[in-house]
Amino acid sequence: MSLKVQLLLLQAVIVCLATLITGVIAATLQERAIRTSYQDRMVAVAQSVARQEVILEAFDDPEPSRVIQPLAELIRQASDITYVVVTDADGIRFSHPDPGRIGEQVSTDPSVPLSGETFIGTQEGTLGVSWRVKVPIFDPGDGDVMGTVSVGILESEISEQFLSQVPWLLVAMGASAVIGVFGAAWVTSVIRKRIFRLEPGEIASLVEQRETVLHRIGEGIITVDASGVITVANDAAARLLGDDDLVGRAAVEALEPAVADVLRRGEPDGALVLVGERVLIARSTGAVVDGETTAATLLLRDHTELHQALREMDGAQSLTDGLRAQAHEFANTMHVLSGLLELGLVDDAREFIAGSTPGGAMGGGETRPILGQFELSALLAVKTAQARELGIVLDVRRDRGDAAADAPRLADDLGHDLVTIVGNLVDNAVEACGLGDRIEVSARIDGEAVVVAVDDSGPGVPETERAGIFVEGVSSKAPAGARGPHRRGIGLALVRRIVRRRRGAVEVADSPLGGALFLVRLPVEAAPAPVAPAAVPA
């Protein structure tokens, strides 16, 4: 059964059931209203008759019915009721709609009115089942009960009057049901349009697909409504932003300023943003269109691993170029030696070999790792080769004390952070320098801190700009406000965030080489020393 039919039938059943219940309640109230109206009228008539002086005086006559019967019939007809019966204390009738019943004993129990109380109820008498009221007649002299007045109307007359109004009630119920069914059909149509005429199975399938897409893909997805409140945030977005409580919060409060700015202005091509220490590419449809706020979607992709992969690829390419240069230099050396030997100049060949130097080697023959970190040494070896290819001299100044036996072994996470910091600072220096410039890198342990310094002979950083170069998006190598996935100004901002996380310090000053000096101090966190294997007994 289609959703349209289900909705229509369910609503039609509800409307009909509600109409039926309402009609039954209305009919019950109407019947009670008729009965109450008659009751009020009968009580008034009975009490009026019981107080009539003419009737009270007639009780002393030899034939009370001659006076009471005409008066009772007159009151009955004027009041539109079935009967008015007056009896004495023994229950003998003085009046009755059927004159032949006068002088007979009443057929119902008169004990309640004879006890001085009023009786209201349904009883079956000589005329049939009737709704009646019985009141006592008190002797004006001594106050004793000397008779009763019974006033009633047949139940058949009440039913007839009620049934005469039922057709109008049924018409009203039918009209309400018809209007309700048409209203249900209209509501069903509206609901179907709002859910794009989808069936329940299709809706369930879409929900499952949405959950699968949102929570199983690696890209972060965030949607906001027109008021700027986050309505959807998948697991990847929570992981990339480091916040599991995004839904229901204002985007400007939950997102970092750079991410919120991309969301607001829109960036279809993507822009590099820094979230914590992650480099992300953020794309957005824009929350402001033609000056009006609207719903928007933000897509976040982790660029950190890709950035690292590109850096490793560049290093591998530089390593390949360096090895190619070494092979070419070695081939030239072999050619010279071969020529000298062919000419019989053995002594000259020996002198040539003795004068050869490993100037083309990337590591300069140094095998000792910097600060005990092989990754850092490998990084600087690659950077040295890259700088040499650009005509830049990169000199790694080693602290001889870091090879001492008592030097602390740095924690692995500190070593990884040093690789990121040094890599970004050296890249920044290489991009700032040109042919013939010089870069000096030093790393040492000074007390309880690791000190890293990067000097260059480039143009330097003006003192007025030093406070802003660590701000995300600020770069001297690209126009201000540059956008897109190649936006610069990420490296130094990442360096500052890592330094702040480790409660260190970073500063920039004038270098003795004539360019800029970047100085980083990080507290040392020593790693536990490796446990030596236990000696095996002989």
Protein backbone atom coordinates (compact mmCIF):
# COMPACT_ATOMS: atom_id res chain seq x y z
CA MET A 1 0.00 0.00 0.00
CA SER A 2 1.46 3.36 -1.00
CA LEU A 3 2.19 6.07 1.53
CA LYS A 4 -0.49 8.26 -0.01
CA VAL A 5 -3.19 5.64 0.55
CA GLN A 6 -1.92 4.85 4.04
CA LEU A 7 -1.98 8.49 5.10
CA LEU A 8 -5.42 9.06 3.59
CA LEU A 9 -6.93 5.96 5.21
CA LEU A 10 -5.39 6.62 8.60
CA GLN A 11 -6.57 10.22 8.64
CA ALA A 12 -10.02 9.24 7.35
CA VAL A 13 -10.38 6.64 10.12
CA ILE A 14 -9.27 9.19 12.71
CA VAL A 15 -11.70 11.81 11.37
CA CYS A 16 -14.63 9.38 11.25
CA LEU A 17 -13.88 7.99 14.69
CA ALA A 18 -13.57 11.47 16.17
CA THR A 19 -16.79 12.56 14.44
CA LEU A 20 -18.63 9.47 15.71
CA ILE A 21 -17.45 9.99 19.28
CA THR A 22 -18.37 13.66 19.09
CA GLY A 23 -21.81 12.77 17.71
CA VAL A 24 -22.46 10.25 20.49
CA ILE A 25 -21.43 12.77 23.11
CA ALA A 26 -23.60 15.45 21.48
CA ALA A 27 -26.59 13.08 21.34
CA THR A 28 -26.13 12.15 25.00
CA LEU A 29 -25.94 15.78 26.01
CA GLN A 30 -29.01 16.58 23.91
CA GLU A 31 -31.02 13.78 25.54
CA ARG A 32 -29.95 14.97 28.97
CA ALA A 33 -30.88 18.52 28.07
CA ILE A 34 -34.41 17.40 27.03
CA ARG A 35 -34.82 15.32 30.16
CA THR A 36 -33.53 18.15 32.38
CA SER A 37 -35.89 20.60 30.71
CA TYR A 38 -38.87 18.34 31.38
CA GLN A 39 -37.68 17.70 34.91
CA ASP A 40 -37.53 21.40 35.73
CA ARG A 41 -40.96 21.90 34.24
CA MET A 42 -42.48 18.93 36.14
CA VAL A 43 -40.98 20.01 39.47
CA ALA A 44 -42.40 23.49 39.01
CA VAL A 45 -45.85 22.16 38.07
CA ALA A 46 -45.94 19.63 40.93
CA GLN A 47 -44.91 22.18 43.55
CA SER A 48 -47.38 24.70 42.15
CA VAL A 49 -50.25 22.20 42.38
CA ALA A 50 -49.21 21.11 45.89
CA ARG A 51 -49.49 24.73 47.08
CA GLN A 52 -52.78 25.64 45.37
CA GLU A 53 -55.25 26.75 48.07
CA VAL A 54 -58.17 25.52 45.97
CA ILE A 55 -56.74 22.02 45.92
CA LEU A 56 -55.87 22.10 49.61
CA GLU A 57 -59.43 23.18 50.51
CA ALA A 58 -60.92 20.53 48.19
CA PHE A 59 -59.45 17.78 50.38
CA ASP A 60 -62.20 18.62 52.95
CA ASP A 61 -65.02 18.28 50.37
CA PRO A 62 -67.16 15.13 50.23
CA GLU A 63 -66.01 14.63 46.57
CA PRO A 64 -62.57 16.29 46.15
CA SER A 65 -62.25 15.07 42.55
CA ARG A 66 -65.01 17.39 41.34
CA VAL A 67 -62.76 20.35 42.11
CA ILE A 68 -59.31 18.84 41.63
CA GLN A 69 -59.87 16.92 38.35
CA PRO A 70 -60.80 19.94 36.12
CA LEU A 71 -58.03 22.04 37.62
CA ALA A 72 -55.41 19.27 37.20
CA GLU A 73 -56.40 18.70 33.55
CA LEU A 74 -56.18 22.42 32.84
CA ILE A 75 -52.67 22.59 34.31
CA ARG A 76 -51.63 19.41 32.42
CA GLN A 77 -52.69 20.80 29.06
CA ALA A 78 -51.17 24.20 29.72
CA SER A 79 -47.87 22.63 30.79
CA ASP A 80 -47.67 20.12 27.86
CA ILE A 81 -47.08 17.12 30.11
CA THR A 82 -48.69 13.66 30.13
CA TYR A 83 -50.49 13.66 33.45
CA VAL A 84 -51.09 15.44 36.76
CA VAL A 85 -52.35 13.02 39.45
CA VAL A 86 -53.40 14.19 42.93
CA THR A 87 -53.88 11.55 45.68
CA ASP A 88 -54.70 11.54 49.37
CA ALA A 89 -52.57 10.05 52.12
CA ASP A 90 -53.93 6.57 51.29
CA GLY A 91 -52.93 6.80 47.63
CA ILE A 92 -56.50 7.26 46.31
CA ARG A 93 -56.52 9.31 43.07
CA PHE A 94 -58.45 12.61 42.94
CA SER A 95 -57.38 13.33 39.35
CA HIS A 96 -56.18 11.36 36.31
CA PRO A 97 -56.13 11.86 32.51
CA ASP A 98 -58.45 8.82 32.36
CA PRO A 99 -61.48 9.79 34.51
CA GLY A 100 -62.25 6.10 35.02
CA ARG A 101 -59.11 5.78 37.11
CA ILE A 102 -60.30 8.39 39.66
CA GLY A 103 -60.95 6.85 43.06
CA GLU A 104 -58.57 3.95 42.47
CA GLN A 105 -55.38 3.20 44.32
CA VAL A 106 -52.20 4.40 42.54
CA SER A 107 -50.20 1.63 40.85
CA THR A 108 -46.74 2.87 42.01
CA ASP A 109 -45.21 3.18 45.45
CA PRO A 110 -46.10 6.59 47.05
CA SER A 111 -43.94 6.08 50.15
CA VAL A 112 -41.26 8.64 49.18
CA PRO A 113 -43.57 11.67 48.79
CA LEU A 114 -45.70 10.52 51.78
CA SER A 115 -42.50 10.66 53.86
CA GLY A 116 -42.14 14.35 52.99
CA GLU A 117 -39.41 13.91 50.27
CA THR A 118 -39.49 14.61 46.54
CA PHE A 119 -39.16 11.67 44.15
CA ILE A 120 -37.69 12.02 40.63
CA GLY A 121 -37.31 8.97 38.43
CA THR A 122 -38.71 6.59 35.85
CA GLN A 123 -41.58 4.28 36.76
CA GLU A 124 -44.18 2.27 34.90
CA GLY A 125 -47.79 3.23 35.66
CA THR A 126 -51.21 2.83 34.09
CA LEU A 127 -50.21 5.01 31.11
CA GLY A 128 -46.88 3.28 30.55
CA VAL A 129 -43.24 4.02 31.41
CA SER A 130 -42.86 7.68 32.30
CA TRP A 131 -40.34 10.19 33.64
CA ARG A 132 -42.12 11.55 36.74
CA VAL A 133 -41.85 13.82 39.74
CA LYS A 134 -43.75 13.21 43.02
CA VAL A 135 -44.00 15.87 45.74
CA PRO A 136 -45.87 15.81 49.10
CA ILE A 137 -48.93 17.95 49.92
CA PHE A 138 -48.62 19.37 53.40
CA ASP A 139 -51.61 20.23 55.66
CA PRO A 140 -51.49 23.99 56.20
CA GLY A 141 -52.79 23.52 59.72
CA ASP A 142 -50.43 21.02 61.35
CA GLY A 143 -47.85 20.52 58.54
CA ASP A 144 -48.50 16.80 58.15
CA VAL A 145 -48.47 15.12 54.71
CA MET A 146 -52.06 14.72 53.59
CA GLY A 147 -51.52 13.72 49.98
CA THR A 148 -49.24 13.70 46.94
CA VAL A 149 -48.93 15.26 43.50
CA SER A 150 -47.46 13.15 40.69
CA VAL A 151 -46.51 14.87 37.44
CA GLY A 152 -44.93 13.00 34.54
CA ILE A 153 -44.32 12.56 30.83
CA LEU A 154 -44.09 9.32 28.92
CA GLU A 155 -40.59 8.10 28.01
CA SER A 156 -41.91 7.50 24.51
CA GLU A 157 -42.62 11.24 24.14
CA ILE A 158 -39.09 12.12 25.32
CA SER A 159 -37.65 9.59 22.86
CA GLU A 160 -39.80 10.95 20.08
CA GLN A 161 -38.65 14.50 20.72
CA PHE A 162 -35.01 13.34 20.87
CA LEU A 163 -35.30 11.32 17.66
CA SER A 164 -36.80 14.31 15.90
CA GLN A 165 -33.45 16.10 16.36
CA VAL A 166 -31.21 13.13 15.46
CA PRO A 167 -31.40 13.69 11.65
CA TRP A 168 -29.92 17.17 12.01
CA LEU A 169 -27.18 15.72 14.20
CA LEU A 170 -26.46 12.99 11.64
CA VAL A 171 -26.29 15.56 8.86
CA ALA A 172 -23.83 17.63 10.87
CA MET A 173 -21.72 14.53 11.60
CA GLY A 174 -21.75 13.49 7.95
CA ALA A 175 -20.76 16.96 6.79
CA SER A 176 -17.94 17.04 9.35
CA ALA A 177 -16.70 13.63 8.23
CA VAL A 178 -16.75 14.63 4.55
CA ILE A 179 -14.94 17.88 5.26
CA GLY A 180 -12.43 15.98 7.41
CA VAL A 181 -11.75 13.41 4.69
CA PHE A 182 -11.20 16.12 2.07
CA GLY A 183 -8.95 17.91 4.54
CA ALA A 184 -7.04 14.67 5.09
CA ALA A 185 -6.59 14.30 1.34
CA TRP A 186 -5.22 17.86 1.14
CA VAL A 187 -2.87 17.27 4.07
CA THR A 188 -1.70 14.04 2.44
CA SER A 189 -0.94 15.90 -0.77
CA VAL A 190 1.00 18.61 1.08
CA ILE A 191 3.05 16.04 3.02
CA ARG A 192 3.79 14.10 -0.15
CA LYS A 193 5.03 17.22 -1.89
CA ARG A 194 7.27 18.13 1.04
CA ILE A 195 8.90 14.68 1.04
CA PHE A 196 9.27 14.76 -2.76
CA ARG A 197 6.62 12.03 -3.21
CA LEU A 198 8.95 9.42 -1.76
CA GLU A 199 7.73 6.14 -0.31
CA PRO A 200 8.75 4.97 3.20
CA GLY A 201 11.19 2.42 1.79
CA GLU A 202 12.83 5.08 -0.36
CA ILE A 203 13.07 7.45 2.62
CA ALA A 204 14.66 4.73 4.78
CA SER A 205 17.11 3.93 1.99
CA LEU A 206 18.06 7.60 1.64
CA VAL A 207 18.61 7.89 5.39
CA GLU A 208 20.85 4.82 5.39
CA GLN A 209 22.80 6.14 2.41
CA ARG A 210 23.12 9.55 4.09
CA GLU A 211 24.43 8.00 7.29
CA THR A 212 26.86 5.87 5.31
CA VAL A 213 28.11 8.82 3.26
CA LEU A 214 28.36 11.19 6.21
CA HIS A 215 30.06 8.95 8.73
CA ARG A 216 32.22 6.65 6.61
CA ILE A 217 33.98 9.04 4.26
CA GLY A 218 37.26 10.66 5.23
CA GLU A 219 36.23 14.22 4.37
CA GLY A 220 34.58 16.37 6.99
CA ILE A 221 31.11 17.68 6.13
CA ILE A 222 29.41 20.51 8.02
CA THR A 223 26.11 22.18 7.12
CA VAL A 224 24.64 25.31 8.67
CA ASP A 225 21.18 26.79 8.38
CA ALA A 226 20.30 30.35 7.42
CA SER A 227 20.81 31.51 11.03
CA GLY A 228 24.36 30.18 11.09
CA VAL A 229 23.70 27.21 13.40
CA ILE A 230 25.43 23.90 12.61
CA THR A 231 22.81 21.28 11.72
CA VAL A 232 25.00 18.42 10.47
CA ALA A 233 28.58 17.45 11.33
CA ASN A 234 29.93 14.02 10.46
CA ASP A 235 32.55 11.99 12.33
CA ALA A 236 35.38 13.13 10.07
CA ALA A 237 34.56 16.80 10.74
CA ALA A 238 34.61 16.19 14.50
CA ARG A 239 37.96 14.43 14.17
CA LEU A 240 39.56 17.08 11.95
CA LEU A 241 38.32 19.95 14.11
CA GLY A 242 38.95 18.15 17.40
CA ASP A 243 35.44 18.84 18.67
CA ASP A 244 32.70 16.22 19.14
CA ASP A 245 30.05 18.77 20.12
CA LEU A 246 29.41 20.75 16.94
CA VAL A 247 25.73 20.23 16.12
CA GLY A 248 23.44 22.89 17.55
CA ARG A 249 26.17 25.49 18.07
CA ALA A 250 26.74 28.70 16.14
CA ALA A 251 29.38 28.26 13.44
CA VAL A 252 31.24 31.44 14.43
CA GLU A 253 31.67 30.01 17.95
CA ALA A 254 32.40 26.38 17.13
CA LEU A 255 34.79 26.89 14.18
CA GLU A 256 38.17 28.57 14.07
CA PRO A 257 38.12 32.04 12.49
CA ALA A 258 39.83 30.91 9.28
CA VAL A 259 37.36 28.04 8.77
CA ALA A 260 34.36 30.23 9.66
CA ASP A 261 35.57 32.85 7.15
CA VAL A 262 35.74 30.25 4.35
CA LEU A 263 32.24 29.04 5.28
CA ARG A 264 30.84 32.57 5.19
CA ARG A 265 32.40 33.89 1.99
CA GLY A 266 32.40 30.63 0.01
CA GLU A 267 35.41 28.95 -1.58
CA PRO A 268 34.51 26.53 -4.40
CA ASP A 269 38.16 25.88 -5.30
CA GLY A 270 39.23 25.27 -1.71
CA ALA A 271 41.52 27.19 0.60
CA LEU A 272 44.31 26.03 2.89
CA VAL A 273 43.42 26.59 6.56
CA LEU A 274 45.20 25.67 9.74
CA VAL A 275 43.14 23.93 12.44
CA GLY A 276 45.26 23.21 15.47
CA GLU A 277 48.32 21.65 13.84
CA ARG A 278 46.43 20.18 10.90
CA VAL A 279 46.60 21.67 7.42
CA LEU A 280 43.15 21.37 5.85
CA ILE A 281 41.62 22.26 2.50
CA ALA A 282 38.23 23.88 3.12
CA ARG A 283 35.56 24.28 0.43
CA SER A 284 32.25 26.03 0.94
CA THR A 285 29.19 27.05 -1.03
CA GLY A 286 29.05 30.32 0.91
CA ALA A 287 26.63 31.41 3.65
CA VAL A 288 26.06 34.87 2.12
CA VAL A 289 24.50 35.05 -1.35
CA ASP A 290 23.59 38.44 -2.84
CA GLY A 291 23.88 40.01 0.58
CA GLU A 292 21.44 37.57 2.23
CA THR A 293 22.33 34.75 4.61
CA THR A 294 21.45 31.26 3.48
CA ALA A 295 22.18 27.65 4.34
CA ALA A 296 25.69 26.51 3.44
CA THR A 297 27.84 23.39 3.31
CA LEU A 298 31.50 23.16 4.29
CA LEU A 299 33.78 20.35 3.06
CA LEU A 300 37.05 19.73 4.94
CA ARG A 301 39.88 17.55 3.65
CA ASP A 302 43.03 16.73 5.59
CA HIS A 303 46.01 18.10 3.67
CA THR A 304 48.57 17.25 6.35
CA GLU A 305 49.44 13.80 5.01
CA LEU A 306 49.42 15.05 1.43
CA HIS A 307 51.64 17.96 2.43
CA GLN A 308 54.04 15.53 4.08
CA ALA A 309 53.96 13.25 1.04
CA LEU A 310 54.75 16.17 -1.28
CA ARG A 311 57.61 17.17 0.98
CA GLU A 312 58.95 13.60 0.96
CA MET A 313 58.58 13.47 -2.83
CA ASP A 314 60.50 16.73 -3.18
CA GLY A 315 63.19 15.32 -0.93
CA ALA A 316 63.37 12.12 -2.94
CA GLN A 317 63.66 14.15 -6.14
CA SER A 318 66.45 16.24 -4.63
CA LEU A 319 68.16 13.06 -3.46
CA THR A 320 67.91 11.64 -6.96
CA ASP A 321 69.34 14.81 -8.47
CA GLY A 322 72.19 14.77 -5.94
CA LEU A 323 73.00 11.15 -6.66
CA ARG A 324 72.92 11.90 -10.38
CA ALA A 325 75.34 14.78 -9.86
CA GLN A 326 77.61 12.55 -7.77
CA ALA A 327 77.56 9.86 -10.45
CA HIS A 328 78.41 12.42 -13.12
CA GLU A 329 81.27 13.81 -11.01
CA PHE A 330 82.54 10.30 -10.32
CA ALA A 331 82.46 9.49 -14.06
CA ASN A 332 84.49 12.61 -14.83
CA THR A 333 87.00 11.62 -12.16
CA MET A 334 87.35 8.18 -13.64
CA HIS A 335 87.90 9.68 -17.10
CA VAL A 336 90.69 11.91 -15.80
CA LEU A 337 92.34 8.97 -14.02
CA SER A 338 92.04 6.83 -17.12
CA GLY A 339 93.69 9.53 -19.24
CA LEU A 340 96.57 10.04 -16.81
CA LEU A 341 97.22 6.32 -16.65
CA GLU A 342 97.10 6.00 -20.44
CA LEU A 343 99.74 8.71 -20.62
CA GLY A 344 101.85 6.90 -18.04
CA LEU A 345 101.59 9.73 -15.54
CA VAL A 346 101.22 7.49 -12.51
CA ASP A 347 102.52 10.06 -10.00
CA ASP A 348 100.11 12.69 -11.32
CA ALA A 349 97.25 10.21 -11.02
CA ARG A 350 98.18 9.57 -7.41
CA GLU A 351 98.22 13.30 -6.67
CA PHE A 352 94.84 13.73 -8.37
CA ILE A 353 93.31 10.97 -6.23
CA ALA A 354 94.78 12.49 -3.06
CA GLY A 355 93.37 15.90 -3.94
CA SER A 356 89.83 14.66 -4.63
CA THR A 357 87.20 15.67 -1.97
CA PRO A 358 83.68 14.43 -1.35
CA GLY A 359 82.20 17.80 -2.05
CA GLY A 360 79.23 16.32 -3.86
CA ALA A 361 78.08 14.18 -0.96
CA MET A 362 74.84 15.28 0.63
CA GLY A 363 75.94 14.60 4.18
CA GLY A 364 79.48 15.91 3.91
CA GLY A 365 80.72 12.64 5.35
CA GLU A 366 79.06 13.27 8.74
CA THR A 367 77.28 10.18 10.13
CA ARG A 368 76.46 11.41 13.64
CA PRO A 369 72.72 12.20 13.99
CA ILE A 370 71.73 15.70 15.07
CA LEU A 371 70.47 15.65 18.68
CA GLY A 372 70.27 11.88 18.30
CA GLN A 373 67.45 12.27 15.74
CA PHE A 374 68.15 10.37 12.51
CA GLU A 375 64.95 11.79 10.96
CA LEU A 376 66.17 15.35 11.56
CA SER A 377 69.58 14.54 10.13
CA ALA A 378 68.03 12.94 7.05
CA LEU A 379 65.75 15.95 6.58
CA LEU A 380 68.66 18.42 6.69
CA ALA A 381 70.70 16.24 4.34
CA VAL A 382 67.91 16.42 1.78
CA LYS A 383 67.44 20.16 2.36
CA THR A 384 71.20 20.66 1.86
CA ALA A 385 70.98 18.92 -1.51
CA GLN A 386 67.94 20.98 -2.48
CA ALA A 387 69.67 24.24 -1.54
CA ARG A 388 72.82 23.27 -3.43
CA GLU A 389 70.72 22.67 -6.57
CA LEU A 390 69.42 26.26 -6.20
CA GLY A 391 72.87 27.71 -5.71
CA ILE A 392 72.34 28.28 -1.97
CA VAL A 393 74.81 27.15 0.67
CA LEU A 394 73.10 25.41 3.60
CA ASP A 395 75.44 24.79 6.51
CA VAL A 396 74.37 22.58 9.39
CA ARG A 397 76.31 23.59 12.50
CA ARG A 398 76.60 20.68 14.91
CA ASP A 399 77.01 20.94 18.67
CA ARG A 400 79.77 18.46 19.57
CA GLY A 401 78.20 18.05 23.00
CA ASP A 402 75.09 16.34 21.70
CA ALA A 403 77.10 13.16 21.11
CA ALA A 404 78.10 12.87 24.75
CA ALA A 405 77.10 9.75 26.58
CA ASP A 406 75.13 11.70 29.17
CA ALA A 407 73.08 13.68 26.62
CA PRO A 408 69.33 13.11 27.18
CA ARG A 409 67.44 11.01 24.69
CA LEU A 410 64.60 13.13 23.29
CA ALA A 411 61.03 11.84 23.37
CA ASP A 412 59.72 10.57 20.03
CA ASP A 413 56.95 13.16 19.80
CA LEU A 414 59.44 15.97 20.44
CA GLY A 415 61.64 14.58 17.67
CA HIS A 416 58.67 14.59 15.27
CA ASP A 417 57.83 18.18 16.23
CA LEU A 418 61.46 19.22 15.66
CA VAL A 419 61.33 17.73 12.16
CA THR A 420 58.18 19.78 11.40
CA ILE A 421 59.60 22.99 12.89
CA VAL A 422 63.02 22.74 11.22
CA GLY A 423 61.51 21.67 7.90
CA ASN A 424 59.16 24.68 7.77
CA LEU A 425 61.83 27.17 8.89
CA VAL A 426 64.38 25.88 6.37
CA ASP A 427 61.77 25.86 3.57
CA ASN A 428 60.90 29.44 4.48
CA ALA A 429 64.57 30.44 4.40
CA VAL A 430 65.26 28.69 1.07
CA GLU A 431 62.28 30.44 -0.54
CA ALA A 432 63.49 33.80 0.81
CA CYS A 433 67.08 33.37 -0.41
CA GLY A 434 68.50 33.43 -3.90
CA LEU A 435 71.60 32.40 -5.84
CA GLY A 436 74.74 32.83 -3.76
CA ASP A 437 72.96 33.26 -0.41
CA ARG A 438 73.81 31.29 2.72
CA ILE A 439 71.70 29.53 5.35
CA GLU A 440 73.00 28.27 8.69
CA VAL A 441 71.05 25.79 10.83
CA SER A 442 72.05 24.92 14.38
CA ALA A 443 70.39 22.70 16.99
CA ARG A 444 71.67 22.18 20.51
CA ILE A 445 70.54 21.35 24.03
CA ASP A 446 70.87 24.30 26.36
CA GLY A 447 70.11 23.23 29.90
CA GLU A 448 66.55 21.90 29.91
CA ALA A 449 65.64 23.26 26.48
CA VAL A 450 66.28 22.43 22.85
CA VAL A 451 67.41 25.53 20.94
CA VAL A 452 67.04 25.63 17.15
CA ALA A 453 68.32 28.59 15.13
CA VAL A 454 67.94 29.21 11.38
CA ASP A 455 69.97 32.16 9.93
CA ASP A 456 69.93 33.30 6.33
CA SER A 457 71.48 36.05 4.24
CA GLY A 458 68.25 36.85 2.43
CA PRO A 459 66.24 40.08 2.53
CA GLY A 460 65.23 39.57 6.18
CA VAL A 461 61.93 40.50 7.85
CA PRO A 462 61.19 44.19 8.53
CA GLU A 463 60.69 44.89 12.22
CA THR A 464 57.19 46.28 11.56
CA GLU A 465 56.11 42.96 10.01
CA ARG A 466 57.60 40.55 12.55
CA ALA A 467 54.53 40.48 14.79
CA GLY A 468 52.27 39.34 11.96
CA ILE A 469 54.32 36.75 10.06
CA PHE A 470 53.17 33.96 12.40
CA VAL A 471 49.51 34.68 11.64
CA GLU A 472 47.83 32.18 9.36
CA GLY A 473 47.53 33.43 5.78
CA VAL A 474 50.25 36.11 6.13
CA SER A 475 53.13 35.64 3.68
CA SER A 476 55.66 37.85 1.97
CA LYS A 477 55.78 35.48 -1.00
CA ALA A 478 52.16 35.91 -2.13
CA PRO A 479 49.71 38.81 -2.48
CA ALA A 480 47.69 39.63 0.63
CA GLY A 481 44.34 37.90 0.72
CA ALA A 482 45.37 35.20 -1.75
CA ARG A 483 42.88 32.32 -1.80
CA GLY A 484 42.60 28.84 -3.17
CA PRO A 485 44.40 25.59 -2.36
CA HIS A 486 47.80 27.21 -2.96
CA ARG A 487 47.32 29.96 -0.39
CA ARG A 488 50.52 30.59 1.56
CA GLY A 489 51.19 31.64 5.14
CA ILE A 490 50.71 28.19 6.69
CA GLY A 491 54.25 27.08 7.66
CA LEU A 492 55.14 29.75 10.23
CA ALA A 493 51.64 29.63 11.73
CA LEU A 494 52.08 25.87 12.20
CA VAL A 495 55.47 26.42 13.82
CA ARG A 496 54.00 28.86 16.33
CA ARG A 497 51.13 26.48 17.23
CA ILE A 498 53.54 23.60 17.87
CA VAL A 499 55.76 25.86 20.00
CA ARG A 500 52.79 27.10 22.01
CA ARG A 501 51.56 23.55 22.58
CA ARG A 502 54.97 22.64 23.98
CA ARG A 503 55.07 25.86 26.04
CA GLY A 504 58.17 27.07 24.23
CA ALA A 505 59.04 30.32 22.49
CA VAL A 506 59.76 31.42 18.92
CA GLU A 507 61.10 34.78 17.82
CA VAL A 508 62.54 36.45 14.75
CA ALA A 509 65.42 38.94 14.69
CA ASP A 510 68.17 40.25 12.45
CA SER A 511 70.73 37.63 11.46
CA PRO A 512 74.49 38.23 11.54
CA LEU A 513 74.42 36.98 7.94
CA GLY A 514 72.31 40.00 6.98
CA GLY A 515 68.92 38.33 6.69
CA ALA A 516 66.49 36.88 9.26
CA LEU A 517 67.19 34.81 12.35
CA PHE A 518 64.47 32.46 13.61
CA LEU A 519 65.13 31.17 17.13
CA VAL A 520 63.03 28.40 18.73
CA ARG A 521 63.28 27.16 22.32
CA LEU A 522 61.42 24.01 23.39
CA PRO A 523 61.46 22.39 26.86
CA VAL A 524 63.24 19.04 26.82
CA GLU A 525 61.12 15.98 27.54
CA ALA A 526 63.53 13.10 27.95
CA ALA A 527 62.43 9.70 26.71
CA PRO A 528 62.96 6.61 28.84
CA ALA A 529 66.28 4.93 28.10
CA PRO A 530 66.05 1.63 26.25
CA VAL A 531 66.28 -1.40 28.53
CA ALA A 532 69.40 -3.44 27.94
CA PRO A 533 68.82 -7.17 27.41
CA ALA A 534 69.62 -9.36 30.38
CA ALA A 535 72.90 -11.22 30.27
CA VAL A 536 72.64 -14.90 29.48
CA PRO A 537 74.62 -17.09 31.93
CA ALA A 538 77.46 -19.04 30.42
